[in-house]
Amino acid sequence: MNTAPRASCTATPDGSITFDLPLPPAQGHQLLLRLRPGKGQPERTLHTLDLEPTDDGSVRAVLGPAPLLEEGRWDAFLLRGGDAPRQRLRPGLRDLRALVDGHLRDREPPLAVRIPYVTTSGCLAIRAWLRPAHAEADGVDVTERTTTVGARLHGTSLRTGAVVRLRLRGGGGVVHTVQPRAGDDGRAFSVTLDHAELVAATGAASGVWDVFVQPAADAPLVRVARLLDDVADRKNVFVYPRIGVDGAVLRPYYTVDNDLSVEVKRPG
């Protein structure tokens, strides 16, 4: 029987997260957030929050908008103090209603997003993104010949020379460039990708194209992604159709980081 404590959490529009644990107040107890290290790598980033007593006899910790969490997955633990081993927290109720329409609010740089979620092992974690600018995908329309993506910029705007660039992953700098259609406010835009052109640009092998927008001729690339709602892992939730094109199969998809990419897969 799993006796790990549960933590309910409530997210707010400003990025704060409140954690409530049904435990009696005790001196020295803290909530630990640990940035999950890469495989074979040591832990290097920890963030602790004090657990304060509440009126109902339980304890609460608040993660405020600052400091900004580094991009990645943060696992939640309970620290009981002394020599007691830390305990992974299980999820209680997760109130994420404030995040659902997050894409409707314009954000200033840097873009900082936190979404509480349940890991595959049933534990509580926080998915965080931290980006200097962001292009929020708000619609992907797939037809037989084209894919049209609508998006909105946060932290920057379209200016002279703006283009959408698809970069072939592992392709040694191969880039496919498409002109966007800008909205009146300079932040909203859409782009239509021609399937036959993209398959031809991929060459004889299979490949994955990562989607970016370059807001101006001299501006850094901004990744197109879907981050501003309550879905921490979108890859297997938002699934788009596979389209046969000139002997290949093309499909847009969201990566494990919720970034938008397009796969071109050839048989064999």
C-alpha atoms as a PDB file:
ATOM      1  CA  MET A   1       0.000   0.000   0.000  1.00  0.00           C
ATOM      2  CA  ASN A   2       1.360   3.410  -1.001  1.00  0.00           C
ATOM      3  CA  THR A   3       1.451   5.655   2.081  1.00  0.00           C
ATOM      4  CA  ALA A   4       3.126   8.646   0.410  1.00  0.00           C
ATOM      5  CA  PRO A   5       1.334  11.882   1.351  1.00  0.00           C
ATOM      6  CA  ARG A   6      -0.935  13.616  -1.111  1.00  0.00           C
ATOM      7  CA  ALA A   7      -0.775  17.277  -2.065  1.00  0.00           C
ATOM      8  CA  SER A   8      -3.674  19.159  -3.625  1.00  0.00           C
ATOM      9  CA  CYS A   9      -2.695  22.152  -5.705  1.00  0.00           C
ATOM     10  CA  THR A  10      -4.344  25.266  -7.113  1.00  0.00           C
ATOM     11  CA  ALA A  11      -2.880  27.260  -9.993  1.00  0.00           C
ATOM     12  CA  THR A  12      -3.530  30.981 -10.480  1.00  0.00           C
ATOM     13  CA  PRO A  13      -3.249  33.153 -13.613  1.00  0.00           C
ATOM     14  CA  ASP A  14      -0.038  34.850 -12.425  1.00  0.00           C
ATOM     15  CA  GLY A  15       1.809  31.519 -12.287  1.00  0.00           C
ATOM     16  CA  SER A  16       1.512  30.895  -8.541  1.00  0.00           C
ATOM     17  CA  ILE A  17       0.745  27.389  -7.295  1.00  0.00           C
ATOM     18  CA  THR A  18      -0.630  26.627  -3.820  1.00  0.00           C
ATOM     19  CA  PHE A  19       0.065  23.182  -2.353  1.00  0.00           C
ATOM     20  CA  ASP A  20      -2.179  21.870   0.462  1.00  0.00           C
ATOM     21  CA  LEU A  21      -1.176  18.768   2.426  1.00  0.00           C
ATOM     22  CA  PRO A  22      -3.448  17.035   4.976  1.00  0.00           C
ATOM     23  CA  LEU A  23      -0.687  16.851   7.583  1.00  0.00           C
ATOM     24  CA  PRO A  24      -0.474  18.408  11.046  1.00  0.00           C
ATOM     25  CA  PRO A  25       1.905  21.374  11.334  1.00  0.00           C
ATOM     26  CA  ALA A  26       5.446  20.380  12.320  1.00  0.00           C
ATOM     27  CA  GLN A  27       8.580  22.460  12.649  1.00  0.00           C
ATOM     28  CA  GLY A  28      11.053  22.087   9.812  1.00  0.00           C
ATOM     29  CA  HIS A  29       8.725  20.445   7.316  1.00  0.00           C
ATOM     30  CA  GLN A  30       9.181  21.700   3.745  1.00  0.00           C
ATOM     31  CA  LEU A  31       8.054  20.972   0.220  1.00  0.00           C
ATOM     32  CA  LEU A  32      10.942  20.277  -2.153  1.00  0.00           C
ATOM     33  CA  LEU A  33      10.840  20.801  -5.914  1.00  0.00           C
ATOM     34  CA  ARG A  34      13.662  19.054  -7.760  1.00  0.00           C
ATOM     35  CA  LEU A  35      14.483  19.719 -11.406  1.00  0.00           C
ATOM     36  CA  ARG A  36      14.567  16.224 -12.868  1.00  0.00           C
ATOM     37  CA  PRO A  37      18.109  15.545 -14.113  1.00  0.00           C
ATOM     38  CA  GLY A  38      18.925  13.937 -17.414  1.00  0.00           C
ATOM     39  CA  LYS A  39      19.663  10.232 -17.504  1.00  0.00           C
ATOM     40  CA  GLY A  40      22.894   9.543 -15.678  1.00  0.00           C
ATOM     41  CA  GLN A  41      23.216  13.154 -14.522  1.00  0.00           C
ATOM     42  CA  PRO A  42      23.353  14.321 -10.887  1.00  0.00           C
ATOM     43  CA  GLU A  43      20.736  16.534  -9.258  1.00  0.00           C
ATOM     44  CA  ARG A  44      21.750  20.167  -9.574  1.00  0.00           C
ATOM     45  CA  THR A  45      18.680  22.379  -9.055  1.00  0.00           C
ATOM     46  CA  LEU A  46      16.489  22.257  -5.949  1.00  0.00           C
ATOM     47  CA  HIS A  47      13.868  24.700  -4.674  1.00  0.00           C
ATOM     48  CA  THR A  48      12.334  24.446  -1.196  1.00  0.00           C
ATOM     49  CA  LEU A  49       9.102  25.946   0.136  1.00  0.00           C
ATOM     50  CA  ASP A  50       8.154  26.242   3.796  1.00  0.00           C
ATOM     51  CA  LEU A  51       4.990  24.425   4.869  1.00  0.00           C
ATOM     52  CA  GLU A  52       2.905  26.824   6.945  1.00  0.00           C
ATOM     53  CA  PRO A  53      -0.070  25.918   9.194  1.00  0.00           C
ATOM     54  CA  THR A  54      -3.583  26.717   7.982  1.00  0.00           C
ATOM     55  CA  ASP A  55      -6.805  27.393   9.901  1.00  0.00           C
ATOM     56  CA  ASP A  56      -8.080  23.866   9.280  1.00  0.00           C
ATOM     57  CA  GLY A  57      -5.077  22.198  10.923  1.00  0.00           C
ATOM     58  CA  SER A  58      -3.260  21.182   7.725  1.00  0.00           C
ATOM     59  CA  VAL A  59      -0.210  22.742   6.051  1.00  0.00           C
ATOM     60  CA  ARG A  60       0.279  24.819   2.923  1.00  0.00           C
ATOM     61  CA  ALA A  61       3.166  25.908   0.707  1.00  0.00           C
ATOM     62  CA  VAL A  62       2.984  28.619  -1.953  1.00  0.00           C
ATOM     63  CA  LEU A  63       5.149  28.774  -5.052  1.00  0.00           C
ATOM     64  CA  GLY A  64       4.946  32.415  -6.116  1.00  0.00           C
ATOM     65  CA  PRO A  65       5.556  33.874  -9.581  1.00  0.00           C
ATOM     66  CA  ALA A  66       9.200  34.433  -8.625  1.00  0.00           C
ATOM     67  CA  PRO A  67      11.739  32.967  -8.712  1.00  0.00           C
ATOM     68  CA  LEU A  68      11.271  31.667 -12.231  1.00  0.00           C
ATOM     69  CA  LEU A  69      11.600  27.908 -12.543  1.00  0.00           C
ATOM     70  CA  GLU A  70      14.063  26.628 -15.103  1.00  0.00           C
ATOM     71  CA  GLU A  71      12.457  24.842 -18.051  1.00  0.00           C
ATOM     72  CA  GLY A  72      11.924  21.158 -17.376  1.00  0.00           C
ATOM     73  CA  ARG A  73      10.071  18.743 -15.099  1.00  0.00           C
ATOM     74  CA  TRP A  74      10.125  19.402 -11.352  1.00  0.00           C
ATOM     75  CA  ASP A  75       9.347  16.479  -9.048  1.00  0.00           C
ATOM     76  CA  ALA A  76       7.646  17.258  -5.710  1.00  0.00           C
ATOM     77  CA  PHE A  77       8.815  15.807  -2.372  1.00  0.00           C
ATOM     78  CA  LEU A  78       8.015  16.205   1.297  1.00  0.00           C
ATOM     79  CA  LEU A  79      10.951  16.989   3.604  1.00  0.00           C
ATOM     80  CA  ARG A  80      10.267  16.105   7.246  1.00  0.00           C
ATOM     81  CA  GLY A  81      13.571  17.447   8.553  1.00  0.00           C
ATOM     82  CA  GLY A  82      16.457  15.788  10.336  1.00  0.00           C
ATOM     83  CA  ASP A  83      17.605  12.461   8.938  1.00  0.00           C
ATOM     84  CA  ALA A  84      14.190  11.482   7.607  1.00  0.00           C
ATOM     85  CA  PRO A  85      14.320  10.513   3.917  1.00  0.00           C
ATOM     86  CA  ARG A  86      12.424  12.705   1.519  1.00  0.00           C
ATOM     87  CA  GLN A  87       9.110  11.339   0.235  1.00  0.00           C
ATOM     88  CA  ARG A  88       7.646  11.722  -3.234  1.00  0.00           C
ATOM     89  CA  LEU A  89       4.264  13.419  -3.127  1.00  0.00           C
ATOM     90  CA  ARG A  90       1.201  11.898  -4.710  1.00  0.00           C
ATOM     91  CA  PRO A  91      -1.371  14.179  -6.343  1.00  0.00           C
ATOM     92  CA  GLY A  92      -4.551  15.212  -4.598  1.00  0.00           C
ATOM     93  CA  LEU A  93      -7.085  17.495  -6.249  1.00  0.00           C
ATOM     94  CA  ARG A  94      -5.582  19.680  -8.969  1.00  0.00           C
ATOM     95  CA  ASP A  95      -7.508  22.904  -9.622  1.00  0.00           C
ATOM     96  CA  LEU A  96      -6.155  24.150 -12.954  1.00  0.00           C
ATOM     97  CA  ARG A  97      -9.192  26.134 -14.093  1.00  0.00           C
ATOM     98  CA  ALA A  98      -7.200  29.382 -14.143  1.00  0.00           C
ATOM     99  CA  LEU A  99      -4.904  27.903 -16.807  1.00  0.00           C
ATOM    100  CA  VAL A 100      -7.518  26.718 -19.292  1.00  0.00           C
ATOM    101  CA  ASP A 101      -7.882  30.045 -21.146  1.00  0.00           C
ATOM    102  CA  GLY A 102      -4.289  31.177 -20.616  1.00  0.00           C
ATOM    103  CA  HIS A 103      -3.793  31.587 -24.365  1.00  0.00           C
ATOM    104  CA  LEU A 104      -6.276  34.494 -24.341  1.00  0.00           C
ATOM    105  CA  ARG A 105      -3.940  36.735 -22.299  1.00  0.00           C
ATOM    106  CA  ASP A 106      -0.931  38.436 -23.874  1.00  0.00           C
ATOM    107  CA  ARG A 107       2.279  37.701 -21.968  1.00  0.00           C
ATOM    108  CA  GLU A 108       5.339  39.855 -21.461  1.00  0.00           C
ATOM    109  CA  PRO A 109       8.846  38.401 -21.668  1.00  0.00           C
ATOM    110  CA  PRO A 110      10.131  36.151 -20.385  1.00  0.00           C
ATOM    111  CA  LEU A 111       7.322  33.638 -20.799  1.00  0.00           C
ATOM    112  CA  ALA A 112       7.108  31.509 -17.631  1.00  0.00           C
ATOM    113  CA  VAL A 113       4.591  28.650 -17.519  1.00  0.00           C
ATOM    114  CA  ARG A 114       4.015  26.041 -14.777  1.00  0.00           C
ATOM    115  CA  ILE A 115       1.505  23.184 -14.992  1.00  0.00           C
ATOM    116  CA  PRO A 116       1.046  20.640 -12.171  1.00  0.00           C
ATOM    117  CA  TYR A 117       0.581  17.118 -13.541  1.00  0.00           C
ATOM    118  CA  VAL A 118       0.672  13.443 -12.623  1.00  0.00           C
ATOM    119  CA  THR A 119       3.714  11.435 -13.718  1.00  0.00           C
ATOM    120  CA  THR A 120       3.473   7.994 -15.298  1.00  0.00           C
ATOM    121  CA  SER A 121       4.365   6.540 -11.876  1.00  0.00           C
ATOM    122  CA  GLY A 122       1.472   8.383 -10.212  1.00  0.00           C
ATOM    123  CA  CYS A 123       3.466  11.126  -8.480  1.00  0.00           C
ATOM    124  CA  LEU A 124       3.038  14.903  -8.442  1.00  0.00           C
ATOM    125  CA  ALA A 125       5.292  17.053 -10.614  1.00  0.00           C
ATOM    126  CA  ILE A 126       5.391  20.503 -12.217  1.00  0.00           C
ATOM    127  CA  ARG A 127       6.047  21.018 -15.931  1.00  0.00           C
ATOM    128  CA  ALA A 128       7.765  24.361 -16.421  1.00  0.00           C
ATOM    129  CA  TRP A 129       8.687  26.355 -19.501  1.00  0.00           C
ATOM    130  CA  LEU A 130      10.838  29.497 -19.526  1.00  0.00           C
ATOM    131  CA  ARG A 131      11.358  31.240 -22.869  1.00  0.00           C
ATOM    132  CA  PRO A 132      12.358  34.768 -23.915  1.00  0.00           C
ATOM    133  CA  ALA A 133       9.525  34.790 -26.479  1.00  0.00           C
ATOM    134  CA  HIS A 134       6.851  32.339 -27.575  1.00  0.00           C
ATOM    135  CA  ALA A 135       4.494  31.604 -30.475  1.00  0.00           C
ATOM    136  CA  GLU A 136       1.341  29.931 -29.123  1.00  0.00           C
ATOM    137  CA  ALA A 137      -0.289  27.608 -31.657  1.00  0.00           C
ATOM    138  CA  ASP A 138      -4.068  27.949 -31.462  1.00  0.00           C
ATOM    139  CA  GLY A 139      -5.205  25.849 -34.405  1.00  0.00           C
ATOM    140  CA  VAL A 140      -3.799  23.180 -36.754  1.00  0.00           C
ATOM    141  CA  ASP A 141      -5.951  22.428 -39.800  1.00  0.00           C
ATOM    142  CA  VAL A 142      -4.814  19.435 -41.863  1.00  0.00           C
ATOM    143  CA  THR A 143      -6.164  18.793 -45.378  1.00  0.00           C
ATOM    144  CA  GLU A 144      -4.979  16.478 -48.145  1.00  0.00           C
ATOM    145  CA  ARG A 145      -2.628  19.078 -49.628  1.00  0.00           C
ATOM    146  CA  THR A 146      -1.815  21.544 -46.858  1.00  0.00           C
ATOM    147  CA  THR A 147      -1.517  22.127 -43.135  1.00  0.00           C
ATOM    148  CA  THR A 148      -2.494  25.580 -41.845  1.00  0.00           C
ATOM    149  CA  VAL A 149      -1.263  26.697 -38.432  1.00  0.00           C
ATOM    150  CA  GLY A 150      -2.654  29.692 -36.567  1.00  0.00           C
ATOM    151  CA  ALA A 151      -0.545  31.183 -33.767  1.00  0.00           C
ATOM    152  CA  ARG A 152      -0.023  34.247 -31.597  1.00  0.00           C
ATOM    153  CA  LEU A 153       3.256  35.782 -30.493  1.00  0.00           C
ATOM    154  CA  HIS A 154       4.002  36.598 -26.852  1.00  0.00           C
ATOM    155  CA  GLY A 155       6.972  38.738 -25.905  1.00  0.00           C
ATOM    156  CA  THR A 156       7.551  40.019 -29.435  1.00  0.00           C
ATOM    157  CA  SER A 157       5.647  40.971 -32.609  1.00  0.00           C
ATOM    158  CA  LEU A 158       5.913  40.562 -36.364  1.00  0.00           C
ATOM    159  CA  ARG A 159       7.959  43.209 -38.154  1.00  0.00           C
ATOM    160  CA  THR A 160       9.523  43.735 -41.570  1.00  0.00           C
ATOM    161  CA  GLY A 161      11.058  40.546 -42.907  1.00  0.00           C
ATOM    162  CA  ALA A 162       9.072  38.142 -40.722  1.00  0.00           C
ATOM    163  CA  VAL A 163       9.059  34.530 -41.952  1.00  0.00           C
ATOM    164  CA  VAL A 164       8.183  31.056 -40.700  1.00  0.00           C
ATOM    165  CA  ARG A 165      11.143  28.679 -40.808  1.00  0.00           C
ATOM    166  CA  LEU A 166      10.928  24.907 -40.615  1.00  0.00           C
ATOM    167  CA  ARG A 167      14.294  23.448 -39.626  1.00  0.00           C
ATOM    168  CA  LEU A 168      15.083  19.856 -40.571  1.00  0.00           C
ATOM    169  CA  ARG A 169      16.149  18.093 -37.380  1.00  0.00           C
ATOM    170  CA  GLY A 170      19.693  16.767 -37.775  1.00  0.00           C
ATOM    171  CA  GLY A 171      19.721  18.120 -41.299  1.00  0.00           C
ATOM    172  CA  GLY A 172      22.894  20.193 -41.093  1.00  0.00           C
ATOM    173  CA  GLY A 173      21.129  23.533 -41.324  1.00  0.00           C
ATOM    174  CA  VAL A 174      18.492  22.663 -43.955  1.00  0.00           C
ATOM    175  CA  VAL A 175      15.620  25.156 -43.630  1.00  0.00           C
ATOM    176  CA  HIS A 176      12.273  25.457 -45.426  1.00  0.00           C
ATOM    177  CA  THR A 177      10.944  29.041 -45.398  1.00  0.00           C
ATOM    178  CA  VAL A 178       7.292  30.087 -45.731  1.00  0.00           C
ATOM    179  CA  GLN A 179       5.678  33.531 -45.623  1.00  0.00           C
ATOM    180  CA  PRO A 180       3.177  34.051 -42.772  1.00  0.00           C
ATOM    181  CA  ARG A 181      -0.080  35.984 -42.983  1.00  0.00           C
ATOM    182  CA  ALA A 182      -0.019  38.606 -40.225  1.00  0.00           C
ATOM    183  CA  GLY A 183      -3.021  39.773 -38.228  1.00  0.00           C
ATOM    184  CA  ASP A 184      -3.839  43.432 -37.680  1.00  0.00           C
ATOM    185  CA  ASP A 185      -2.166  43.617 -34.256  1.00  0.00           C
ATOM    186  CA  GLY A 186       1.194  42.220 -35.382  1.00  0.00           C
ATOM    187  CA  ARG A 187       1.005  39.311 -32.952  1.00  0.00           C
ATOM    188  CA  ALA A 188      -1.495  36.917 -34.502  1.00  0.00           C
ATOM    189  CA  PHE A 189      -0.458  35.129 -37.684  1.00  0.00           C
ATOM    190  CA  SER A 190      -1.135  32.025 -39.732  1.00  0.00           C
ATOM    191  CA  VAL A 191       0.945  30.000 -42.149  1.00  0.00           C
ATOM    192  CA  THR A 192       0.047  27.330 -44.703  1.00  0.00           C
ATOM    193  CA  LEU A 193       2.493  24.505 -45.335  1.00  0.00           C
ATOM    194  CA  ASP A 194       2.347  22.797 -48.720  1.00  0.00           C
ATOM    195  CA  HIS A 195       2.702  19.057 -48.151  1.00  0.00           C
ATOM    196  CA  ALA A 196       4.304  18.277 -51.527  1.00  0.00           C
ATOM    197  CA  GLU A 197       6.899  21.041 -51.069  1.00  0.00           C
ATOM    198  CA  LEU A 198       7.803  19.826 -47.599  1.00  0.00           C
ATOM    199  CA  VAL A 199       8.137  16.190 -48.701  1.00  0.00           C
ATOM    200  CA  ALA A 200      10.366  17.248 -51.608  1.00  0.00           C
ATOM    201  CA  ALA A 201      12.533  19.367 -49.311  1.00  0.00           C
ATOM    202  CA  THR A 202      12.992  16.390 -46.960  1.00  0.00           C
ATOM    203  CA  GLY A 203      14.801  14.416 -49.671  1.00  0.00           C
ATOM    204  CA  ALA A 204      14.963  10.654 -50.048  1.00  0.00           C
ATOM    205  CA  ALA A 205      15.028   9.853 -46.330  1.00  0.00           C
ATOM    206  CA  SER A 206      12.565  10.399 -43.508  1.00  0.00           C
ATOM    207  CA  GLY A 207      12.824  13.563 -41.433  1.00  0.00           C
ATOM    208  CA  VAL A 208      11.270  15.824 -38.793  1.00  0.00           C
ATOM    209  CA  TRP A 209      10.783  19.558 -39.315  1.00  0.00           C
ATOM    210  CA  ASP A 210      10.694  21.787 -36.220  1.00  0.00           C
ATOM    211  CA  VAL A 211       8.493  24.873 -36.674  1.00  0.00           C
ATOM    212  CA  PHE A 212       9.771  28.362 -35.784  1.00  0.00           C
ATOM    213  CA  VAL A 213       8.786  31.920 -36.579  1.00  0.00           C
ATOM    214  CA  GLN A 214      11.387  34.608 -37.142  1.00  0.00           C
ATOM    215  CA  PRO A 215       9.530  37.814 -36.183  1.00  0.00           C
ATOM    216  CA  ALA A 216      11.900  40.121 -38.124  1.00  0.00           C
ATOM    217  CA  ALA A 217      14.824  39.761 -40.498  1.00  0.00           C
ATOM    218  CA  ASP A 218      17.375  40.211 -37.707  1.00  0.00           C
ATOM    219  CA  ALA A 219      15.390  38.542 -34.885  1.00  0.00           C
ATOM    220  CA  PRO A 220      16.142  35.195 -33.221  1.00  0.00           C
ATOM    221  CA  LEU A 221      13.908  32.249 -34.024  1.00  0.00           C
ATOM    222  CA  VAL A 222      10.873  31.674 -31.774  1.00  0.00           C
ATOM    223  CA  ARG A 223       9.565  28.133 -31.368  1.00  0.00           C
ATOM    224  CA  VAL A 224       5.910  27.502 -32.240  1.00  0.00           C
ATOM    225  CA  ALA A 225       4.342  25.492 -29.407  1.00  0.00           C
ATOM    226  CA  ARG A 226       1.153  25.024 -27.383  1.00  0.00           C
ATOM    227  CA  LEU A 227       1.909  25.854 -23.741  1.00  0.00           C
ATOM    228  CA  LEU A 228      -0.749  28.230 -22.455  1.00  0.00           C
ATOM    229  CA  ASP A 229      -3.446  25.975 -21.032  1.00  0.00           C
ATOM    230  CA  ASP A 230      -3.724  23.109 -18.536  1.00  0.00           C
ATOM    231  CA  VAL A 231      -2.258  20.275 -20.656  1.00  0.00           C
ATOM    232  CA  ALA A 232       1.258  19.375 -19.514  1.00  0.00           C
ATOM    233  CA  ASP A 233       1.812  16.572 -22.054  1.00  0.00           C
ATOM    234  CA  ARG A 234       0.094  17.173 -25.364  1.00  0.00           C
ATOM    235  CA  LYS A 235       1.787  14.641 -27.643  1.00  0.00           C
ATOM    236  CA  ASN A 236      -0.736  11.840 -27.192  1.00  0.00           C
ATOM    237  CA  VAL A 237      -3.734  14.109 -26.578  1.00  0.00           C
ATOM    238  CA  PHE A 238      -3.743  16.330 -29.682  1.00  0.00           C
ATOM    239  CA  VAL A 239      -3.254  13.831 -32.524  1.00  0.00           C
ATOM    240  CA  TYR A 240      -3.503  14.918 -36.158  1.00  0.00           C
ATOM    241  CA  PRO A 241      -4.158  12.727 -39.229  1.00  0.00           C
ATOM    242  CA  ARG A 242      -1.403  11.160 -41.312  1.00  0.00           C
ATOM    243  CA  ILE A 243      -1.475  12.231 -44.963  1.00  0.00           C
ATOM    244  CA  GLY A 244       0.023  10.239 -47.839  1.00  0.00           C
ATOM    245  CA  VAL A 245       2.107  12.478 -50.121  1.00  0.00           C
ATOM    246  CA  ASP A 246       4.263  11.292 -53.052  1.00  0.00           C
ATOM    247  CA  GLY A 247       5.175   7.979 -51.441  1.00  0.00           C
ATOM    248  CA  ALA A 248       5.715   9.444 -47.969  1.00  0.00           C
ATOM    249  CA  VAL A 249       3.462   9.910 -44.935  1.00  0.00           C
ATOM    250  CA  LEU A 250       3.295  13.387 -43.387  1.00  0.00           C
ATOM    251  CA  ARG A 251       1.831  14.372 -40.037  1.00  0.00           C
ATOM    252  CA  PRO A 252       2.059  17.430 -37.774  1.00  0.00           C
ATOM    253  CA  TYR A 253       2.486  16.607 -34.093  1.00  0.00           C
ATOM    254  CA  TYR A 254       3.417  18.030 -30.711  1.00  0.00           C
ATOM    255  CA  THR A 255       6.717  16.865 -29.228  1.00  0.00           C
ATOM    256  CA  VAL A 256       7.319  15.775 -25.623  1.00  0.00           C
ATOM    257  CA  ASP A 257       7.979  19.479 -24.911  1.00  0.00           C
ATOM    258  CA  ASN A 258       4.657  20.546 -26.533  1.00  0.00           C
ATOM    259  CA  ASP A 259       6.547  22.112 -29.449  1.00  0.00           C
ATOM    260  CA  LEU A 260       5.031  21.832 -32.940  1.00  0.00           C
ATOM    261  CA  SER A 261       6.850  19.720 -35.523  1.00  0.00           C
ATOM    262  CA  VAL A 262       6.051  17.964 -38.792  1.00  0.00           C
ATOM    263  CA  GLU A 263       7.195  14.406 -39.492  1.00  0.00           C
ATOM    264  CA  VAL A 264       7.801  13.128 -43.016  1.00  0.00           C
ATOM    265  CA  LYS A 265       8.199   9.355 -42.990  1.00  0.00           C
ATOM    266  CA  ARG A 266       9.164   7.198 -45.941  1.00  0.00           C
ATOM    267  CA  PRO A 267       8.621   3.420 -46.059  1.00  0.00           C
ATOM    268  CA  GLY A 268      11.460   1.074 -45.185  1.00  0.00           C
END
